[in-house]
Protein backbone atom coordinates (compact mmCIF):
# COMPACT_ATOMS: atom_id res chain seq x y z
CA MET A 1 -11.44 -24.41 -9.41
CA GLU A 2 -7.95 -23.64 -10.71
CA THR A 3 -8.45 -19.96 -9.84
CA PHE A 4 -9.44 -20.94 -6.29
CA TRP A 5 -6.22 -22.91 -5.75
CA ILE A 6 -4.07 -20.12 -7.20
CA LYS A 7 -5.64 -17.61 -4.83
CA ALA A 8 -5.39 -20.05 -1.90
CA ALA A 9 -1.70 -20.71 -2.59
CA GLN A 10 -0.97 -16.98 -2.68
CA LEU A 11 -2.88 -16.45 0.58
CA VAL A 12 -1.01 -19.22 2.43
CA LEU A 13 2.37 -18.06 1.11
CA ALA A 14 1.69 -14.44 2.05
CA LEU A 15 0.49 -15.38 5.54
CA ALA A 16 3.54 -17.59 6.09
CA ILE A 17 5.92 -14.77 5.10
CA LEU A 18 4.15 -12.19 7.26
CA ILE A 19 3.98 -14.52 10.27
CA ILE A 20 7.66 -15.45 10.02
CA ILE A 21 8.71 -11.80 9.86
CA HIS A 22 6.38 -10.79 12.71
CA GLU A 23 7.49 -13.57 15.04
CA PHE A 24 11.14 -13.08 14.08
CA GLY A 25 10.84 -9.52 15.37
CA HIS A 26 9.81 -10.85 18.78
CA PHE A 27 12.47 -13.58 18.62
CA LEU A 28 15.33 -11.26 17.67
CA PHE A 29 14.69 -8.68 20.38
CA ALA A 30 14.10 -11.39 22.99
CA ARG A 31 17.44 -13.03 22.19
CA ILE A 32 19.24 -9.65 22.07
CA PHE A 33 18.15 -9.09 25.69
CA GLY A 34 19.06 -12.65 26.69
CA ILE A 35 15.46 -13.91 26.95
CA ARG A 36 14.98 -17.56 26.07
CA VAL A 37 12.51 -18.39 23.29
CA GLU A 38 11.24 -21.93 23.77
CA LYS A 39 9.24 -22.24 20.53
CA PHE A 40 9.08 -20.45 17.16
CA TYR A 41 6.08 -21.72 15.16
CA ILE A 42 4.43 -20.86 11.87
CA PHE A 43 0.71 -21.57 12.30
CA PHE A 44 -0.79 -23.09 15.46
CA ASP A 45 -0.11 -26.62 16.70
CA PRO A 46 -2.74 -27.79 19.23
CA TRP A 47 -2.24 -31.45 20.18
CA LYS A 48 0.26 -32.22 17.40
CA GLU A 49 2.53 -30.34 15.03
CA LEU A 50 3.22 -31.05 11.36
CA PHE A 51 6.96 -30.52 11.83
CA LYS A 52 9.37 -29.62 14.62
CA TRP A 53 13.14 -29.26 14.92
CA LYS A 54 15.53 -28.25 17.68
CA PRO A 55 19.09 -27.71 16.36
CA GLY A 56 21.39 -30.52 17.41
CA LYS A 57 18.72 -32.09 19.64
CA TYR A 58 15.81 -33.61 17.72
CA ILE A 59 13.60 -33.51 14.62
CA GLY A 60 10.09 -34.84 14.09
CA GLY A 61 6.42 -34.23 13.53
CA LEU A 62 2.93 -35.71 13.91
CA GLY A 63 3.77 -36.84 17.44
CA LYS A 64 7.02 -38.60 16.49
CA GLN A 65 10.56 -37.48 17.28
CA LYS A 66 14.09 -38.54 16.33
CA ASN A 67 17.00 -37.53 18.53
CA LEU A 68 19.93 -35.92 16.75
CA SER A 69 22.47 -36.05 19.61
CA ALA A 70 24.17 -39.13 21.03
CA THR A 71 23.09 -38.17 24.54
CA PRO A 72 19.76 -36.38 24.33
CA GLU A 73 19.22 -33.91 27.13
CA SER A 74 15.98 -33.77 29.02
CA GLU A 75 13.72 -30.77 28.85
CA GLY A 76 14.07 -30.30 32.59
CA THR A 77 17.85 -30.01 32.31
CA ALA A 78 17.56 -27.63 29.34
CA LYS A 79 15.31 -25.30 31.30
CA GLU A 80 17.78 -25.17 34.16
CA GLU A 81 20.68 -24.05 31.96
CA THR A 82 22.03 -20.64 32.81
CA GLN A 83 21.71 -17.67 30.50
CA LYS A 84 25.48 -17.73 30.00
CA LYS A 85 25.42 -21.19 28.47
CA SER A 86 22.40 -20.60 26.28
CA SER A 87 22.64 -20.59 22.50
CA PHE A 88 21.21 -17.76 20.37
CA TRP A 89 19.44 -20.22 18.02
CA GLY A 90 19.83 -23.61 19.66
CA ASP A 91 17.53 -23.22 22.67
CA THR A 92 14.45 -22.85 20.48
CA GLU A 93 12.18 -25.47 18.94
CA TYR A 94 11.17 -24.44 15.41
CA GLY A 95 8.05 -25.87 13.86
CA ILE A 96 5.00 -25.71 11.60
CA GLY A 97 1.49 -26.12 12.97
CA TRP A 98 -1.53 -27.39 11.10
CA ILE A 99 -3.97 -24.50 11.68
CA PRO A 100 -3.02 -21.56 9.38
CA LEU A 101 -4.50 -18.84 11.58
CA GLY A 102 -1.27 -17.23 12.77
CA GLY A 103 1.93 -18.18 14.54
CA TYR A 104 3.72 -17.62 17.82
CA CYS A 105 6.94 -17.38 19.80
CA LYS A 106 6.74 -19.05 23.21
CA ILE A 107 8.89 -16.74 25.31
CA SER A 108 10.05 -18.04 28.69
CA GLY A 109 8.40 -16.40 31.69
CA MET A 110 5.58 -14.74 29.82
CA ILE A 111 1.82 -15.26 29.90
CA ASP A 112 0.86 -15.68 26.25
CA GLU A 113 -1.32 -17.87 24.02
CA SER A 114 0.43 -21.01 25.32
CA MET A 115 -1.15 -20.32 28.76
CA ASP A 116 1.80 -22.06 30.47
CA THR A 117 0.72 -21.16 34.01
CA GLU A 118 2.87 -23.88 35.60
CA GLN A 119 6.03 -22.09 34.48
CA MET A 120 4.81 -18.88 36.09
CA LYS A 121 4.46 -20.65 39.48
CA GLN A 122 8.21 -21.30 39.55
CA PRO A 123 10.73 -18.74 40.87
CA PRO A 124 11.78 -16.26 38.13
CA LYS A 125 14.98 -17.18 36.29
CA PRO A 126 17.44 -14.65 34.86
CA TYR A 127 16.73 -15.66 31.25
CA GLU A 128 12.94 -15.19 31.55
CA PHE A 129 10.83 -12.39 30.15
CA ARG A 130 9.43 -11.44 33.56
CA SER A 131 12.96 -10.93 34.95
CA LYS A 132 13.88 -8.21 32.46
CA PRO A 133 13.38 -4.43 32.81
CA ALA A 134 10.06 -3.04 31.55
CA TRP A 135 11.70 -1.14 28.67
CA GLN A 136 13.27 -4.34 27.31
CA ARG A 137 9.97 -6.22 27.56
CA LEU A 138 8.24 -3.31 25.83
CA LEU A 139 10.67 -3.45 22.89
CA VAL A 140 10.20 -7.21 22.60
CA MET A 141 6.42 -6.77 22.30
CA ILE A 142 6.61 -3.87 19.83
CA ALA A 143 9.16 -5.65 17.61
CA GLY A 144 6.65 -7.84 15.78
CA VAL A 145 4.54 -4.87 14.68
CA LEU A 146 7.68 -2.89 13.80
CA PHE A 147 9.04 -5.70 11.62
CA ASN A 148 5.72 -6.05 9.74
CA PHE A 149 5.70 -2.34 8.95
CA LEU A 150 9.36 -2.41 7.92
CA LEU A 151 8.59 -5.41 5.67
CA ALA A 152 5.83 -3.42 3.93
CA ILE A 153 8.23 -0.52 3.35
CA LEU A 154 10.87 -2.90 1.99
CA ILE A 155 8.35 -4.52 -0.40
CA TYR A 156 7.04 -1.19 -1.68
CA ALA A 157 10.60 0.09 -2.16
CA GLY A 158 11.47 -3.10 -4.06
CA ILE A 159 8.44 -2.79 -6.33
CA VAL A 160 9.13 0.81 -7.36
CA TYR A 161 12.83 0.01 -7.77
CA ALA A 162 12.00 -2.90 -10.11
CA THR A 163 9.11 -1.39 -12.07
CA GLY A 164 9.03 2.34 -11.42
CA GLU A 165 5.69 4.13 -11.55
CA LYS A 166 4.05 4.85 -14.87
CA TYR A 167 0.63 6.48 -14.93
CA VAL A 168 -1.52 9.30 -16.27
CA PRO A 169 -2.12 11.92 -13.53
CA LEU A 170 -5.81 12.61 -13.02
CA ASN A 171 -5.46 16.28 -13.94
CA ASP A 172 -3.82 15.30 -17.25
CA ALA A 173 -6.85 13.25 -18.31
CA LYS A 174 -8.20 15.99 -20.58
CA MET A 175 -11.49 14.18 -21.25
CA GLY A 176 -12.07 13.75 -17.53
CA LEU A 177 -13.15 10.53 -15.89
CA GLU A 178 -15.96 8.04 -16.35
CA TYR A 179 -17.88 7.20 -13.15
CA SER A 180 -19.90 4.18 -12.06
CA GLN A 181 -23.59 4.59 -11.26
CA ALA A 182 -22.96 4.56 -7.50
CA ALA A 183 -20.43 7.37 -7.91
CA GLN A 184 -22.87 9.33 -10.07
CA ASN A 185 -25.55 8.88 -7.40
CA ALA A 186 -23.09 10.50 -4.98
CA GLY A 187 -22.80 13.57 -7.23
CA PHE A 188 -20.04 12.82 -9.75
CA ARG A 189 -20.65 13.35 -13.48
CA ASN A 190 -18.89 11.82 -16.47
CA GLY A 191 -16.19 14.22 -17.58
CA ASP A 192 -15.43 15.53 -14.06
CA ILE A 193 -11.70 15.97 -13.34
CA PRO A 194 -10.93 15.57 -9.59
CA ILE A 195 -8.38 18.11 -8.36
CA GLU A 196 -8.71 18.17 -4.54
CA ALA A 197 -9.78 15.94 -1.64
CA ASP A 198 -10.53 17.89 1.55
CA GLY A 199 -8.52 20.79 0.16
CA GLU A 200 -5.40 18.75 -0.67
CA ALA A 201 -4.30 18.47 -4.31
CA LEU A 202 -4.87 15.17 -6.12
CA ASP A 203 -1.79 14.60 -8.25
CA ASN A 204 -0.55 11.27 -7.01
CA LEU A 205 -0.97 7.76 -8.36
CA PRO A 206 -4.62 7.22 -9.37
CA THR A 207 -4.88 4.23 -6.98
CA GLU A 208 -3.81 6.39 -4.03
CA ASP A 209 -6.01 9.29 -5.12
CA ARG A 210 -8.95 6.86 -5.29
CA LEU A 211 -8.54 6.06 -1.58
CA ARG A 212 -8.11 9.71 -0.67
CA MET A 213 -11.32 10.61 -2.50
CA LEU A 214 -13.29 7.81 -0.80
CA GLN A 215 -12.04 8.82 2.64
CA ALA A 216 -12.58 12.55 2.10
CA LYS A 217 -15.58 14.54 3.24
CA GLU A 218 -15.45 16.78 0.18
CA VAL A 219 -13.95 16.38 -3.29
CA THR A 220 -13.46 19.26 -5.71
CA VAL A 221 -13.75 18.55 -9.43
CA ILE A 222 -13.49 20.62 -12.58
CA ARG A 223 -16.80 20.45 -14.45
CA ASP A 224 -17.31 22.43 -17.65
CA GLY A 225 -14.25 24.50 -16.79
CA LYS A 226 -15.47 25.45 -13.29
CA PRO A 227 -14.67 24.02 -9.82
CA VAL A 228 -17.53 22.07 -8.24
CA LYS A 229 -17.53 20.66 -4.69
CA ILE A 230 -19.03 17.22 -4.03
CA ASN A 231 -19.93 16.03 -0.53
CA ILE A 232 -18.89 12.39 -0.20
CA PRO A 233 -21.49 10.20 1.56
CA GLU A 234 -20.06 7.91 4.25
CA ASN A 235 -21.64 4.84 2.66
CA LEU A 236 -20.17 5.47 -0.82
CA ILE A 237 -17.41 2.89 -0.30
CA PHE A 238 -20.04 0.24 0.55
CA ASP A 239 -22.22 1.19 -2.43
CA LEU A 240 -19.20 0.85 -4.73
CA ASP A 241 -18.28 -2.52 -3.21
CA LYS A 242 -21.84 -3.81 -3.64
CA GLU A 243 -21.97 -2.51 -7.22
CA LEU A 244 -18.69 -4.27 -8.05
CA LYS A 245 -19.69 -7.60 -6.47
CA GLU A 246 -23.07 -7.64 -8.20
CA GLY A 247 -21.42 -6.93 -11.55
CA ASN A 248 -23.68 -3.97 -12.21
CA SER A 249 -20.89 -1.77 -13.55
CA PRO A 250 -17.69 -2.37 -15.54
CA ILE A 251 -16.18 0.62 -13.67
CA ASN A 252 -14.87 0.49 -10.10
CA PHE A 253 -15.68 4.05 -8.90
CA PHE A 254 -13.99 5.73 -11.85
CA SER A 255 -11.91 5.08 -14.94
CA TYR A 256 -10.23 7.30 -17.50
CA ARG A 257 -12.51 8.71 -20.17
CA ILE A 258 -10.81 7.89 -23.47
CA PRO A 259 -11.71 8.07 -27.19
CA THR A 260 -12.77 5.01 -29.17
CA LYS A 261 -9.77 4.01 -31.26
CA ILE A 262 -9.62 0.87 -33.41
CA THR A 263 -6.48 -1.24 -32.84
CA GLN A 264 -7.51 -4.42 -34.68
CA VAL A 265 -10.01 -5.40 -37.40
CA MET A 266 -11.08 -9.07 -37.67
CA PRO A 267 -11.22 -10.34 -41.28
CA GLY A 268 -14.69 -11.30 -42.48
CA GLU A 269 -16.50 -9.52 -39.61
CA GLY A 270 -18.90 -6.57 -39.91
CA ALA A 271 -16.28 -3.85 -39.37
CA ALA A 272 -13.94 -5.28 -42.03
CA LYS A 273 -16.77 -5.62 -44.54
CA GLY A 274 -17.88 -2.05 -43.83
CA GLY A 275 -14.41 -0.60 -44.47
CA VAL A 276 -13.15 0.10 -40.93
CA LYS A 277 -9.33 0.30 -40.64
CA VAL A 278 -6.83 0.15 -37.80
CA GLY A 279 -6.28 3.66 -36.42
CA ASP A 280 -9.85 4.86 -37.09
CA GLN A 281 -11.48 6.81 -34.25
CA VAL A 282 -15.25 6.39 -33.76
CA ILE A 283 -17.11 9.59 -32.89
CA ALA A 284 -20.80 8.64 -33.47
CA ILE A 285 -23.22 5.76 -34.03
CA ASN A 286 -26.36 6.39 -36.08
CA GLY A 287 -25.68 10.11 -35.82
CA SER A 288 -25.54 10.14 -32.00
CA PRO A 289 -22.17 11.34 -30.65
CA THR A 290 -20.09 8.81 -28.70
CA GLU A 291 -17.33 10.90 -27.19
CA SER A 292 -15.87 8.14 -25.03
CA LEU A 293 -15.23 4.42 -25.26
CA THR A 294 -17.88 3.70 -22.62
CA GLU A 295 -20.49 5.68 -24.56
CA PHE A 296 -19.56 3.78 -27.74
CA LEU A 297 -19.98 0.38 -26.08
CA THR A 298 -23.27 1.44 -24.49
CA ALA A 299 -24.60 2.72 -27.83
CA LEU A 300 -23.97 -0.67 -29.47
CA GLU A 301 -26.15 -2.55 -26.99
CA GLY A 302 -29.52 -3.68 -28.29
CA HIS A 303 -28.52 -3.60 -31.99
CA GLY A 304 -27.81 -7.30 -32.40
CA ASP A 305 -28.04 -8.55 -36.01
CA GLN A 306 -28.76 -4.98 -37.23
CA ASP A 307 -27.09 -2.41 -39.48
CA VAL A 308 -25.67 0.74 -37.86
CA GLU A 309 -23.95 3.78 -39.31
CA LEU A 310 -20.50 4.37 -37.87
CA THR A 311 -19.03 7.87 -38.04
CA ILE A 312 -15.24 7.68 -37.90
CA VAL A 313 -12.29 10.02 -38.17
CA ARG A 314 -9.48 8.61 -40.32
CA ALA A 315 -6.07 10.27 -40.13
CA GLY A 316 -4.41 10.86 -43.49
CA GLU A 317 -0.98 12.08 -44.50
CA ILE A 318 -2.24 15.64 -45.06
CA LYS A 319 -5.56 15.86 -43.20
CA SER A 320 -8.10 13.76 -41.33
CA ASP A 321 -11.31 12.69 -43.05
CA THR A 322 -14.72 12.07 -41.46
CA LEU A 323 -16.49 9.04 -42.97
CA ASN A 324 -19.86 7.36 -42.46
CA LEU A 325 -19.61 3.58 -42.79
CA PRO A 326 -22.50 1.06 -42.79
CA ILE A 327 -21.70 -1.81 -40.39
CA HIS A 328 -23.65 -5.01 -39.78
CA LEU A 329 -23.46 -6.19 -36.14
CA SER A 330 -23.46 -9.79 -34.98
CA GLU A 331 -26.25 -11.25 -32.81
CA ASN A 332 -24.41 -10.10 -29.65
CA SER A 333 -23.96 -6.54 -31.00
CA LYS A 334 -20.29 -7.01 -31.94
CA MET A 335 -18.57 -5.78 -35.09
CA GLY A 336 -15.22 -7.58 -34.85
CA VAL A 337 -12.72 -4.95 -33.71
CA GLY A 338 -10.04 -4.50 -31.07
CA LEU A 339 -10.11 -1.27 -29.07
CA GLU A 340 -7.42 0.79 -27.34
CA VAL A 341 -8.02 0.74 -23.57
CA ASN A 342 -4.74 2.21 -22.29
CA PRO A 343 -5.07 5.91 -21.30
CA ALA A 344 -1.33 6.33 -21.92
CA ALA A 345 -2.05 6.08 -25.65
CA PHE A 346 -3.95 9.40 -25.50
CA PHE A 347 -2.68 11.49 -22.59
CA ASN A 348 0.59 12.64 -21.03
CA VAL A 349 2.24 9.91 -19.02
CA LYS A 350 4.28 10.42 -15.86
CA ASP A 351 7.06 7.84 -15.81
CA LYS A 352 9.02 7.81 -12.54
CA LYS A 353 12.16 5.72 -12.20
CA TYR A 354 13.76 4.94 -8.84
CA ASN A 355 17.29 3.94 -7.92
CA LEU A 356 18.43 2.18 -4.76
CA PHE A 357 18.47 5.41 -2.75
CA THR A 358 15.25 7.05 -3.98
CA SER A 359 13.20 3.86 -3.78
CA VAL A 360 13.50 3.70 0.03
CA PRO A 361 11.91 7.14 0.70
CA ARG A 362 9.13 6.24 -1.75
CA GLY A 363 8.65 2.92 0.05
CA ILE A 364 8.33 4.77 3.37
CA GLU A 365 5.85 7.20 1.81
CA MET A 366 3.74 4.37 0.43
CA GLY A 367 3.85 2.44 3.71
CA VAL A 368 2.73 5.48 5.73
CA ASP A 369 0.03 6.27 3.15
CA ARG A 370 -1.36 2.70 3.27
CA LEU A 371 -1.30 2.70 7.08
CA THR A 372 -3.08 6.07 7.25
CA SER A 373 -5.73 4.93 4.78
CA TYR A 374 -6.25 1.66 6.68
CA VAL A 375 -6.63 3.46 10.02
CA LYS A 376 -9.17 5.88 8.50
CA SER A 377 -11.17 3.02 7.02
CA MET A 378 -11.39 1.20 10.37
CA LYS A 379 -14.04 3.61 11.64
CA LEU A 380 -16.38 2.24 8.96
CA VAL A 381 -16.24 -1.23 10.56
CA PHE A 382 -18.39 0.10 13.41
CA THR A 383 -21.22 1.12 11.09
CA LYS A 384 -24.07 -1.21 10.12
CA GLU A 385 -22.79 -1.60 6.56
CA GLY A 386 -19.22 -1.99 7.81
CA ALA A 387 -20.15 -4.87 10.11
CA LYS A 388 -21.77 -6.65 7.16
CA SER A 389 -18.65 -6.18 5.03
CA VAL A 390 -16.25 -7.78 7.54
CA GLY A 391 -14.57 -10.79 5.97
CA GLY A 392 -12.20 -13.60 6.89
CA PHE A 393 -9.76 -15.66 4.89
CA GLY A 394 -12.13 -15.86 1.93
CA ALA A 395 -12.32 -12.09 1.69
CA ILE A 396 -8.55 -11.76 2.05
CA GLY A 397 -7.91 -14.42 -0.56
CA SER A 398 -10.25 -12.72 -3.02
CA ILE A 399 -7.97 -9.66 -3.32
CA PHE A 400 -5.16 -11.74 -4.82
CA PRO A 401 -5.00 -11.92 -8.65
CA GLU A 402 -6.59 -14.87 -10.46
CA SER A 403 -3.32 -15.72 -12.22
CA TRP A 404 0.12 -15.70 -10.61
CA ASP A 405 1.67 -12.25 -10.90
CA TRP A 406 4.61 -11.57 -8.57
CA ILE A 407 4.26 -7.78 -8.62
CA ALA A 408 0.55 -8.03 -7.79
CA PHE A 409 1.31 -10.67 -5.13
CA TRP A 410 3.89 -8.49 -3.39
CA ASN A 411 1.57 -5.47 -3.55
CA VAL A 412 -1.14 -7.42 -1.72
CA ALA A 413 1.40 -8.92 0.72
CA ALA A 414 2.69 -5.43 1.58
CA PHE A 415 -0.83 -4.17 2.24
CA LEU A 416 -1.59 -7.21 4.44
CA SER A 417 1.65 -6.60 6.34
CA VAL A 418 0.50 -3.03 7.09
CA ALA A 419 -2.93 -4.32 8.15
CA LEU A 420 -1.37 -7.00 10.37
CA ALA A 421 0.87 -4.42 12.04
CA PHE A 422 -2.08 -2.17 12.82
CA MET A 423 -4.37 -4.96 14.02
CA ASN A 424 -1.68 -6.37 16.32
CA ILE A 425 -1.00 -3.04 18.02
CA LEU A 426 -4.65 -2.61 19.03
CA PRO A 427 -4.90 -2.61 22.87
CA ILE A 428 -6.69 -5.95 23.06
CA PRO A 429 -5.48 -8.65 25.47
CA ALA A 430 -3.84 -11.58 23.60
CA LEU A 431 -2.57 -9.16 20.93
CA ASP A 432 0.78 -7.38 21.10
CA GLY A 433 -1.06 -4.14 21.79
CA GLY A 434 -2.62 -5.66 24.92
CA HIS A 435 0.80 -6.59 26.31
CA VAL A 436 2.09 -3.10 25.41
CA LEU A 437 -0.84 -1.54 27.29
CA PHE A 438 -0.07 -3.50 30.47
CA LEU A 439 3.65 -2.70 30.18
CA LEU A 440 2.88 1.00 29.84
CA TYR A 441 0.72 0.68 32.97
CA GLU A 442 3.72 -0.85 34.76
CA VAL A 443 6.05 1.93 33.60
CA ILE A 444 3.63 4.67 34.69
CA PHE A 445 2.47 3.23 38.03
CA ARG A 446 5.69 1.37 38.94
CA ARG A 447 3.96 -1.94 39.56
CA LYS A 448 3.01 -4.95 37.47
CA PRO A 449 -0.52 -6.29 37.01
CA SER A 450 -0.83 -9.59 38.89
CA ASP A 451 -0.20 -12.88 37.10
CA LYS A 452 -3.79 -13.92 37.80
CA PHE A 453 -5.09 -10.72 36.18
CA MET A 454 -2.84 -11.32 33.17
CA GLU A 455 -4.15 -14.88 32.84
CA TYR A 456 -7.78 -13.71 32.86
CA ALA A 457 -6.99 -10.87 30.44
CA GLN A 458 -5.25 -13.30 28.07
CA MET A 459 -8.20 -15.70 28.14
CA THR A 460 -10.68 -12.87 27.58
CA GLY A 461 -8.65 -11.55 24.66
CA MET A 462 -8.37 -15.00 23.08
CA PHE A 463 -12.13 -15.49 23.46
CA LEU A 464 -12.79 -12.16 21.71
CA LEU A 465 -10.36 -12.97 18.89
CA ILE A 466 -11.86 -16.42 18.33
CA ALA A 467 -15.36 -14.89 18.27
CA LEU A 468 -14.23 -12.27 15.75
CA LEU A 469 -12.54 -14.97 13.65
CA LEU A 470 -15.71 -17.07 13.62
CA TYR A 471 -17.85 -14.05 12.73
CA ALA A 472 -15.57 -12.86 9.92
CA ASN A 473 -15.28 -16.27 8.29
CA GLY A 474 -18.98 -16.91 8.88
CA MET A 475 -19.73 -13.75 6.89
CA ASP A 476 -17.59 -15.17 4.05
CA ILE A 477 -19.78 -18.28 4.04
CA VAL A 478 -23.01 -16.24 4.14
CA ARG A 479 -21.86 -14.09 1.21
CA PHE A 480 -20.84 -17.20 -0.74
CA PHE A 481 -24.26 -18.88 -0.45
CA PHE A 482 -26.50 -15.80 -0.42
CA LYS A 483 -24.70 -13.38 -2.72
């Protein structure tokens, strides 16, 4: 239960940050062009809001309101103020809604989610959205998406500036990689070293190379010293996801293949009694070679409460000795040792440091890479398996870490910011992309779509979004009860 609340808190915080930045993009460009913004809300507020505040005018929430000025002005008078007398910040009501599904800016003279059709029946006023040139309205609508993408770049730049990037390049993993069963079914073999995805070299961060391999049509690996091409099935990403969720494999697609090195020996346990020491490297069990850590762990299974013969290599001052040690395993096939799991302990490590100037280009590179990968993955949503994998807030919350880690949190937040930018620019009515589509129509054909058409388009778009929201979160519930 504690893990659930930690993930939920991270999800709500991330959504709040992304919504504020997105809506601030709309707000800022609207105010730059002299367009009045009537409301700026985090989350939606049907019927009642949790909190509202208009600078110098009033403060309140849950249907109650306290005036802050000696002579409170009426809303009617406020709406009749001229653009010249308007305040950059003061004309807007800021608030928090109670449904955490998004947020909005209510921009004067615009058909949006507020569906304020009465305002549109009045003569256009100079401070309204509809009174401004098409290019200004276009920039206002694009600003939210632009700010989300810029936020992702800023976060990625901040992460690499603070932590750098330390990793073992795939082609420096001399023992190759270990692959899950789903990956092996697709054609990979333990020990393969990936070098190319669709003809492009793989020498980036392993996490980025992982995505490139999954989205490629063909991956080239080095196997037994020779290049081998593997055709990647389109459903591999779904097979890996299913394998991970079912807990059938400790490996997510691939992991580094590393030796079995002892880092700790528990007093009184089987390994200590048998003479194992810290620094020993296990190379065989009962005479069968165990070249990698995974093979070692697999070989131990099924030997509970039995004696096994461990073949180890022990480094000495002059030479290394090979010893055979009798070890008694516990009932759960354990011998009481700690094992080295960090590939950096065995292979060459690339350690990149970034300063204030070099972190920004890297942030841009990472932002573009995440956006490209996300766009490529969207085509899978329209497959049968992809439709089943669609998720709502439960699926989003699950990608946050189980314990609070700020670096991991910001990594997820940056990815969600990229995803939000892309989803919002889709040409669907009620999304920013829908408004952009109609504005481009106006620019090209020199005439606006009618207000009635815009109203119907907005309602249709909202209906589609609500249906998608219900479906996505419904799939979360189905997976929770029938996983």
